[in-house]
Amino acid sequence: GEGVATATATACLGLANPSGAVVPAARSQTAVPAAAFGIVGQITLDAALSELDNFTLIFPRTADPPAVSVTALARSTQDVAGIAKAMLELSGAAQKTSLAVTTSAALADLNTILQAELSSSSRAIGLAAMAAGMAFAGLALMLSVGGQRRDFGRRRALGASRSLLITLVMLEGVTPAAIGAIAGTALGMTGVILTTETLPDAAFTASIPILTTIAVMVGALPAALTAAYRDPVNILRVP
């Protein structure tokens, strides 16, 4: 029972604004004229529809409006709930209770299964990466401490405490590990944004450099204890 007009049609109808009422000419001559159509807005047509620039689009009333089914495609299963709620709000129906929104239960079940499998595999990969990082950091620092055993022996003989030597070795391993973890996380998040246009959970993002640094700290501990508890007399003894 309403219509919209173009700017040209609005001027032709003599309307100062795109609002008013029109009656079809064919029916205005009858004994019982039809109800007027309200002009409720103005539309702008692109070049492909320029031939309709002088027209007014009328949407007639129907006694029994047909049932309408609208299908919406979500980018991910996480968006399904929000889209289902938005569909109800955007429907324009006066009685929301007359509408029904259905989603794919099979897809939701499949998503649950995939999430469980991905979670288990991600945990396994994460644990393997941490174990490899600990082993690599421990081996590298053990070789470094072995090459500097006389330096550590001199420091110990000159009065350096064991806690100081442990701190020096730990800093030698943790400092580059923390810098690399932060830089790697930043590069990884940039790649994720460029490819998927979404960001992982903030807690997950923060856990990556934290767990990496902790893994290196654990791996560096044996080398630090070795440097701290070696006998400086045996190290500095001349054969």
C-alpha atoms as a PDB file:
ATOM      1  CA  GLY A   1       0.000   0.000   0.000  1.00  0.00           C
ATOM      2  CA  GLU A   2       2.980   2.333  -0.346  1.00  0.00           C
ATOM      3  CA  GLY A   3       5.258   3.617  -3.054  1.00  0.00           C
ATOM      4  CA  VAL A   4       8.592   5.289  -3.721  1.00  0.00           C
ATOM      5  CA  ALA A   5       9.406   7.837  -6.406  1.00  0.00           C
ATOM      6  CA  THR A   6      12.489   9.123  -8.166  1.00  0.00           C
ATOM      7  CA  ALA A   7      13.485  12.781  -7.957  1.00  0.00           C
ATOM      8  CA  THR A   8      11.997  13.434 -11.412  1.00  0.00           C
ATOM      9  CA  ALA A   9       8.759  11.667 -10.548  1.00  0.00           C
ATOM     10  CA  THR A  10       8.513  13.606  -7.287  1.00  0.00           C
ATOM     11  CA  ALA A  11       8.683  16.857  -9.247  1.00  0.00           C
ATOM     12  CA  CYS A  12       6.158  15.596 -11.816  1.00  0.00           C
ATOM     13  CA  LEU A  13       3.708  14.722  -9.056  1.00  0.00           C
ATOM     14  CA  GLY A  14       4.052  18.202  -7.628  1.00  0.00           C
ATOM     15  CA  LEU A  15       5.366  17.000  -4.281  1.00  0.00           C
ATOM     16  CA  ALA A  16       7.652  19.340  -2.405  1.00  0.00           C
ATOM     17  CA  ASN A  17       9.116  16.366  -0.560  1.00  0.00           C
ATOM     18  CA  PRO A  18       9.083  12.651  -1.372  1.00  0.00           C
ATOM     19  CA  SER A  19       5.955  12.216   0.734  1.00  0.00           C
ATOM     20  CA  GLY A  20       2.291  12.431  -0.090  1.00  0.00           C
ATOM     21  CA  ALA A  21      -0.366  10.282  -1.730  1.00  0.00           C
ATOM     22  CA  VAL A  22      -1.309   9.253  -5.267  1.00  0.00           C
ATOM     23  CA  VAL A  23      -4.351   7.493  -6.708  1.00  0.00           C
ATOM     24  CA  PRO A  24      -4.081   5.397  -9.894  1.00  0.00           C
ATOM     25  CA  ALA A  25      -5.808   7.299 -12.739  1.00  0.00           C
ATOM     26  CA  ALA A  26      -7.643   4.236 -14.037  1.00  0.00           C
ATOM     27  CA  ARG A  27      -9.372   3.679 -10.716  1.00  0.00           C
ATOM     28  CA  SER A  28     -10.007   7.315  -9.818  1.00  0.00           C
ATOM     29  CA  GLN A  29     -12.756   7.362 -12.456  1.00  0.00           C
ATOM     30  CA  THR A  30     -14.733   4.577 -10.814  1.00  0.00           C
ATOM     31  CA  ALA A  31     -17.695   5.067  -8.547  1.00  0.00           C
ATOM     32  CA  VAL A  32     -15.723   3.767  -5.587  1.00  0.00           C
ATOM     33  CA  PRO A  33     -12.195   5.130  -5.925  1.00  0.00           C
ATOM     34  CA  ALA A  34      -9.388   2.946  -4.637  1.00  0.00           C
ATOM     35  CA  ALA A  35      -7.463   3.955  -1.567  1.00  0.00           C
ATOM     36  CA  ALA A  36      -4.522   6.226  -2.219  1.00  0.00           C
ATOM     37  CA  PHE A  37      -0.972   4.941  -2.193  1.00  0.00           C
ATOM     38  CA  GLY A  38       1.303   6.747   0.205  1.00  0.00           C
ATOM     39  CA  ILE A  39       4.639   7.963  -1.189  1.00  0.00           C
ATOM     40  CA  VAL A  40       7.052   7.202   1.615  1.00  0.00           C
ATOM     41  CA  GLY A  41      10.458   7.771   0.088  1.00  0.00           C
ATOM     42  CA  GLN A  42      12.672   8.642  -2.824  1.00  0.00           C
ATOM     43  CA  ILE A  43      15.017   6.329  -4.709  1.00  0.00           C
ATOM     44  CA  THR A  44      18.049   6.959  -6.900  1.00  0.00           C
ATOM     45  CA  LEU A  45      18.462   4.727  -9.948  1.00  0.00           C
ATOM     46  CA  ASP A  46      21.756   3.848 -11.581  1.00  0.00           C
ATOM     47  CA  ALA A  47      22.484   4.139 -15.292  1.00  0.00           C
ATOM     48  CA  ALA A  48      21.150   0.677 -16.077  1.00  0.00           C
ATOM     49  CA  LEU A  49      17.668   1.688 -14.854  1.00  0.00           C
ATOM     50  CA  SER A  50      17.639   5.244 -16.210  1.00  0.00           C
ATOM     51  CA  GLU A  51      14.502   4.521 -18.284  1.00  0.00           C
ATOM     52  CA  LEU A  52      12.518   4.289 -15.036  1.00  0.00           C
ATOM     53  CA  ASP A  53      13.551   7.764 -13.906  1.00  0.00           C
ATOM     54  CA  ASN A  54      10.065   9.217 -14.548  1.00  0.00           C
ATOM     55  CA  PHE A  55       8.218   6.423 -12.764  1.00  0.00           C
ATOM     56  CA  THR A  56       6.825   5.848  -9.302  1.00  0.00           C
ATOM     57  CA  LEU A  57       7.107   2.334  -7.929  1.00  0.00           C
ATOM     58  CA  ILE A  58       3.879   1.209  -6.267  1.00  0.00           C
ATOM     59  CA  PHE A  59       3.641  -1.820  -3.988  1.00  0.00           C
ATOM     60  CA  PRO A  60      -0.022  -2.921  -3.958  1.00  0.00           C
ATOM     61  CA  ARG A  61      -1.738  -4.339  -0.937  1.00  0.00           C
ATOM     62  CA  THR A  62      -2.353  -8.069  -0.840  1.00  0.00           C
ATOM     63  CA  ALA A  63      -5.012  -9.751   1.229  1.00  0.00           C
ATOM     64  CA  ASP A  64      -2.880 -12.799   1.940  1.00  0.00           C
ATOM     65  CA  PRO A  65       0.802 -11.973   1.706  1.00  0.00           C
ATOM     66  CA  PRO A  66       2.830 -14.948   0.518  1.00  0.00           C
ATOM     67  CA  ALA A  67       5.125 -16.769   2.855  1.00  0.00           C
ATOM     68  CA  VAL A  68       8.726 -15.702   2.340  1.00  0.00           C
ATOM     69  CA  SER A  69      11.837 -17.719   3.015  1.00  0.00           C
ATOM     70  CA  VAL A  70      15.138 -15.877   3.338  1.00  0.00           C
ATOM     71  CA  THR A  71      18.451 -17.744   3.388  1.00  0.00           C
ATOM     72  CA  ALA A  72      21.524 -16.143   4.919  1.00  0.00           C
ATOM     73  CA  LEU A  73      25.038 -17.528   4.545  1.00  0.00           C
ATOM     74  CA  ALA A  74      27.423 -17.046   7.465  1.00  0.00           C
ATOM     75  CA  ARG A  75      31.170 -16.815   7.066  1.00  0.00           C
ATOM     76  CA  SER A  76      31.724 -19.119  10.031  1.00  0.00           C
ATOM     77  CA  THR A  77      29.626 -21.133  12.438  1.00  0.00           C
ATOM     78  CA  GLN A  78      30.488 -18.668  15.204  1.00  0.00           C
ATOM     79  CA  ASP A  79      28.436 -16.018  13.373  1.00  0.00           C
ATOM     80  CA  VAL A  80      25.289 -18.133  13.061  1.00  0.00           C
ATOM     81  CA  ALA A  81      23.744 -17.068  16.379  1.00  0.00           C
ATOM     82  CA  GLY A  82      24.272 -13.378  15.708  1.00  0.00           C
ATOM     83  CA  ILE A  83      22.902 -13.620  12.161  1.00  0.00           C
ATOM     84  CA  ALA A  84      19.821 -15.510  13.352  1.00  0.00           C
ATOM     85  CA  LYS A  85      19.095 -12.739  15.863  1.00  0.00           C
ATOM     86  CA  ALA A  86      19.709 -10.031  13.265  1.00  0.00           C
ATOM     87  CA  MET A  87      17.351 -11.727  10.787  1.00  0.00           C
ATOM     88  CA  LEU A  88      14.484 -11.335  13.240  1.00  0.00           C
ATOM     89  CA  GLU A  89      15.264  -7.670  13.860  1.00  0.00           C
ATOM     90  CA  LEU A  90      15.661  -6.830  10.166  1.00  0.00           C
ATOM     91  CA  SER A  91      12.562  -8.694   9.017  1.00  0.00           C
ATOM     92  CA  GLY A  92      10.290  -5.713   9.631  1.00  0.00           C
ATOM     93  CA  ALA A  93       7.475  -7.998  10.773  1.00  0.00           C
ATOM     94  CA  ALA A  94       5.096  -6.509  13.296  1.00  0.00           C
ATOM     95  CA  GLN A  95       4.674  -9.871  15.031  1.00  0.00           C
ATOM     96  CA  LYS A  96       8.062 -11.462  15.578  1.00  0.00           C
ATOM     97  CA  THR A  97       6.366 -14.557  16.964  1.00  0.00           C
ATOM     98  CA  SER A  98       5.061 -15.373  13.490  1.00  0.00           C
ATOM     99  CA  LEU A  99       8.624 -15.830  12.231  1.00  0.00           C
ATOM    100  CA  ALA A 100      10.807 -18.887  12.551  1.00  0.00           C
ATOM    101  CA  VAL A 101      14.584 -19.030  12.170  1.00  0.00           C
ATOM    102  CA  THR A 102      16.184 -22.408  11.580  1.00  0.00           C
ATOM    103  CA  THR A 103      19.877 -23.236  11.365  1.00  0.00           C
ATOM    104  CA  SER A 104      21.751 -26.266  10.181  1.00  0.00           C
ATOM    105  CA  ALA A 105      22.059 -28.651  13.101  1.00  0.00           C
ATOM    106  CA  ALA A 106      24.322 -30.957  11.099  1.00  0.00           C
ATOM    107  CA  LEU A 107      26.741 -28.123  10.420  1.00  0.00           C
ATOM    108  CA  ALA A 108      26.791 -27.172  14.093  1.00  0.00           C
ATOM    109  CA  ASP A 109      27.520 -30.785  15.084  1.00  0.00           C
ATOM    110  CA  LEU A 110      30.278 -30.996  12.496  1.00  0.00           C
ATOM    111  CA  ASN A 111      31.763 -27.760  13.799  1.00  0.00           C
ATOM    112  CA  THR A 112      31.816 -29.180  17.336  1.00  0.00           C
ATOM    113  CA  ILE A 113      33.634 -32.304  16.161  1.00  0.00           C
ATOM    114  CA  LEU A 114      36.151 -30.303  14.149  1.00  0.00           C
ATOM    115  CA  GLN A 115      36.795 -27.947  17.058  1.00  0.00           C
ATOM    116  CA  ALA A 116      37.493 -30.900  19.365  1.00  0.00           C
ATOM    117  CA  GLU A 117      39.883 -32.493  16.868  1.00  0.00           C
ATOM    118  CA  LEU A 118      41.646 -29.211  16.148  1.00  0.00           C
ATOM    119  CA  SER A 119      41.982 -28.486  19.860  1.00  0.00           C
ATOM    120  CA  SER A 120      43.591 -31.854  20.574  1.00  0.00           C
ATOM    121  CA  SER A 121      45.948 -31.629  17.605  1.00  0.00           C
ATOM    122  CA  SER A 122      46.839 -28.016  18.464  1.00  0.00           C
ATOM    123  CA  ARG A 123      47.696 -29.026  22.025  1.00  0.00           C
ATOM    124  CA  ALA A 124      49.898 -31.848  20.765  1.00  0.00           C
ATOM    125  CA  ILE A 125      51.667 -29.539  18.311  1.00  0.00           C
ATOM    126  CA  GLY A 126      52.080 -26.868  20.998  1.00  0.00           C
ATOM    127  CA  LEU A 127      53.557 -29.328  23.496  1.00  0.00           C
ATOM    128  CA  ALA A 128      55.922 -30.708  20.851  1.00  0.00           C
ATOM    129  CA  ALA A 129      57.043 -27.197  19.912  1.00  0.00           C
ATOM    130  CA  MET A 130      57.664 -26.312  23.561  1.00  0.00           C
ATOM    131  CA  ALA A 131      59.631 -29.525  24.152  1.00  0.00           C
ATOM    132  CA  ALA A 132      61.743 -28.865  21.055  1.00  0.00           C
ATOM    133  CA  GLY A 133      62.326 -25.284  22.179  1.00  0.00           C
ATOM    134  CA  MET A 134      63.427 -26.405  25.642  1.00  0.00           C
ATOM    135  CA  ALA A 135      65.799 -29.006  24.189  1.00  0.00           C
ATOM    136  CA  PHE A 136      67.294 -26.569  21.687  1.00  0.00           C
ATOM    137  CA  ALA A 137      67.714 -23.807  24.279  1.00  0.00           C
ATOM    138  CA  GLY A 138      69.253 -26.222  26.788  1.00  0.00           C
ATOM    139  CA  LEU A 139      71.735 -27.608  24.243  1.00  0.00           C
ATOM    140  CA  ALA A 140      72.730 -24.171  22.963  1.00  0.00           C
ATOM    141  CA  LEU A 141      73.284 -22.783  26.456  1.00  0.00           C
ATOM    142  CA  MET A 142      75.118 -25.897  27.601  1.00  0.00           C
ATOM    143  CA  LEU A 143      77.565 -25.442  24.718  1.00  0.00           C
ATOM    144  CA  SER A 144      77.851 -21.740  25.533  1.00  0.00           C
ATOM    145  CA  VAL A 145      78.537 -22.419  29.195  1.00  0.00           C
ATOM    146  CA  GLY A 146      81.125 -25.055  28.263  1.00  0.00           C
ATOM    147  CA  GLY A 147      82.932 -22.539  26.087  1.00  0.00           C
ATOM    148  CA  GLN A 148      82.920 -19.940  28.881  1.00  0.00           C
ATOM    149  CA  ARG A 149      83.730 -22.247  31.781  1.00  0.00           C
ATOM    150  CA  ARG A 150      86.987 -20.419  32.586  1.00  0.00           C
ATOM    151  CA  ASP A 151      85.187 -17.064  32.591  1.00  0.00           C
ATOM    152  CA  PHE A 152      82.587 -18.408  34.976  1.00  0.00           C
ATOM    153  CA  GLY A 153      85.366 -19.963  37.086  1.00  0.00           C
ATOM    154  CA  ARG A 154      87.163 -16.616  37.370  1.00  0.00           C
ATOM    155  CA  ARG A 155      83.950 -14.856  38.373  1.00  0.00           C
ATOM    156  CA  ARG A 156      83.290 -17.530  40.988  1.00  0.00           C
ATOM    157  CA  ALA A 157      86.858 -17.304  42.307  1.00  0.00           C
ATOM    158  CA  LEU A 158      86.602 -13.493  42.512  1.00  0.00           C
ATOM    159  CA  GLY A 159      83.513 -13.729  44.708  1.00  0.00           C
ATOM    160  CA  ALA A 160      80.556 -13.924  42.366  1.00  0.00           C
ATOM    161  CA  SER A 161      77.654 -15.762  43.964  1.00  0.00           C
ATOM    162  CA  ARG A 162      75.994 -18.795  42.451  1.00  0.00           C
ATOM    163  CA  SER A 163      72.713 -16.880  42.094  1.00  0.00           C
ATOM    164  CA  LEU A 164      74.522 -14.224  40.049  1.00  0.00           C
ATOM    165  CA  LEU A 165      75.942 -16.851  37.676  1.00  0.00           C
ATOM    166  CA  ILE A 166      72.525 -18.464  37.338  1.00  0.00           C
ATOM    167  CA  THR A 167      71.020 -15.053  36.540  1.00  0.00           C
ATOM    168  CA  LEU A 168      73.676 -14.341  33.886  1.00  0.00           C
ATOM    169  CA  VAL A 169      73.077 -17.646  32.104  1.00  0.00           C
ATOM    170  CA  MET A 170      69.317 -17.296  32.303  1.00  0.00           C
ATOM    171  CA  LEU A 171      69.468 -13.782  30.852  1.00  0.00           C
ATOM    172  CA  GLU A 172      71.708 -15.018  28.067  1.00  0.00           C
ATOM    173  CA  GLY A 173      69.013 -17.458  26.994  1.00  0.00           C
ATOM    174  CA  VAL A 174      65.783 -15.679  27.936  1.00  0.00           C
ATOM    175  CA  THR A 175      66.528 -12.224  26.472  1.00  0.00           C
ATOM    176  CA  PRO A 176      66.835 -13.284  22.798  1.00  0.00           C
ATOM    177  CA  ALA A 177      64.020 -15.800  23.284  1.00  0.00           C
ATOM    178  CA  ALA A 178      61.612 -13.122  24.561  1.00  0.00           C
ATOM    179  CA  ILE A 179      62.535 -10.723  21.749  1.00  0.00           C
ATOM    180  CA  GLY A 180      62.114 -13.453  19.147  1.00  0.00           C
ATOM    181  CA  ALA A 181      58.805 -14.626  20.635  1.00  0.00           C
ATOM    182  CA  ILE A 182      57.319 -11.116  20.615  1.00  0.00           C
ATOM    183  CA  ALA A 183      58.526 -10.399  17.078  1.00  0.00           C
ATOM    184  CA  GLY A 184      57.322 -13.790  15.840  1.00  0.00           C
ATOM    185  CA  THR A 185      53.912 -13.336  17.440  1.00  0.00           C
ATOM    186  CA  ALA A 186      53.535  -9.894  15.846  1.00  0.00           C
ATOM    187  CA  LEU A 187      54.451 -11.258  12.418  1.00  0.00           C
ATOM    188  CA  GLY A 188      52.127 -14.227  12.871  1.00  0.00           C
ATOM    189  CA  MET A 189      49.185 -12.040  13.877  1.00  0.00           C
ATOM    190  CA  THR A 190      49.846  -9.794  10.867  1.00  0.00           C
ATOM    191  CA  GLY A 191      49.708 -12.831   8.591  1.00  0.00           C
ATOM    192  CA  VAL A 192      46.479 -14.021  10.195  1.00  0.00           C
ATOM    193  CA  ILE A 193      44.842 -10.611   9.752  1.00  0.00           C
ATOM    194  CA  LEU A 194      45.878 -10.399   6.096  1.00  0.00           C
ATOM    195  CA  THR A 195      44.658 -13.904   5.256  1.00  0.00           C
ATOM    196  CA  THR A 196      41.530 -14.289   7.401  1.00  0.00           C
ATOM    197  CA  GLU A 197      40.687 -10.689   8.431  1.00  0.00           C
ATOM    198  CA  THR A 198      40.129 -11.908  11.985  1.00  0.00           C
ATOM    199  CA  LEU A 199      42.198 -12.016  15.132  1.00  0.00           C
ATOM    200  CA  PRO A 200      42.574 -14.953  17.534  1.00  0.00           C
ATOM    201  CA  ASP A 201      41.515 -14.626  21.135  1.00  0.00           C
ATOM    202  CA  ALA A 202      43.579 -12.091  23.098  1.00  0.00           C
ATOM    203  CA  ALA A 203      44.430 -14.638  25.791  1.00  0.00           C
ATOM    204  CA  PHE A 204      45.683 -17.093  23.155  1.00  0.00           C
ATOM    205  CA  THR A 205      47.765 -14.381  21.481  1.00  0.00           C
ATOM    206  CA  ALA A 206      49.365 -13.349  24.775  1.00  0.00           C
ATOM    207  CA  SER A 207      50.069 -16.958  25.771  1.00  0.00           C
ATOM    208  CA  ILE A 208      52.347 -17.569  22.772  1.00  0.00           C
ATOM    209  CA  PRO A 209      55.322 -15.366  23.824  1.00  0.00           C
ATOM    210  CA  ILE A 210      54.755 -16.166  27.512  1.00  0.00           C
ATOM    211  CA  LEU A 211      54.870 -19.948  27.037  1.00  0.00           C
ATOM    212  CA  THR A 212      57.811 -19.654  24.640  1.00  0.00           C
ATOM    213  CA  THR A 213      59.803 -17.662  27.190  1.00  0.00           C
ATOM    214  CA  ILE A 214      58.909 -20.100  29.985  1.00  0.00           C
ATOM    215  CA  ALA A 215      60.023 -23.029  27.818  1.00  0.00           C
ATOM    216  CA  VAL A 216      63.409 -21.378  27.225  1.00  0.00           C
ATOM    217  CA  MET A 217      63.760 -20.625  30.933  1.00  0.00           C
ATOM    218  CA  VAL A 218      63.172 -24.278  31.795  1.00  0.00           C
ATOM    219  CA  GLY A 219      65.602 -25.391  29.103  1.00  0.00           C
ATOM    220  CA  ALA A 220      68.262 -22.926  30.304  1.00  0.00           C
ATOM    221  CA  LEU A 221      68.059 -23.999  33.935  1.00  0.00           C
ATOM    222  CA  PRO A 222      70.389 -27.059  33.676  1.00  0.00           C
ATOM    223  CA  ALA A 223      73.074 -24.979  31.944  1.00  0.00           C
ATOM    224  CA  ALA A 224      72.738 -22.236  34.554  1.00  0.00           C
ATOM    225  CA  LEU A 225      73.062 -24.716  37.428  1.00  0.00           C
ATOM    226  CA  THR A 226      76.086 -26.308  35.749  1.00  0.00           C
ATOM    227  CA  ALA A 227      77.822 -22.926  35.469  1.00  0.00           C
ATOM    228  CA  ALA A 228      76.993 -22.009  39.066  1.00  0.00           C
ATOM    229  CA  TYR A 229      78.004 -25.241  40.815  1.00  0.00           C
ATOM    230  CA  ARG A 230      81.244 -26.089  39.028  1.00  0.00           C
ATOM    231  CA  ASP A 231      84.318 -26.042  41.258  1.00  0.00           C
ATOM    232  CA  PRO A 232      86.330 -22.933  40.295  1.00  0.00           C
ATOM    233  CA  VAL A 233      89.544 -24.575  41.540  1.00  0.00           C
ATOM    234  CA  ASN A 234      89.213 -27.447  39.086  1.00  0.00           C
ATOM    235  CA  ILE A 235      88.346 -25.045  36.259  1.00  0.00           C
ATOM    236  CA  LEU A 236      91.280 -22.689  36.859  1.00  0.00           C
ATOM    237  CA  ARG A 237      93.812 -25.441  37.726  1.00  0.00           C
ATOM    238  CA  VAL A 238      96.768 -25.458  35.335  1.00  0.00           C
ATOM    239  CA  PRO A 239      97.606 -29.033  34.182  1.00  0.00           C
END
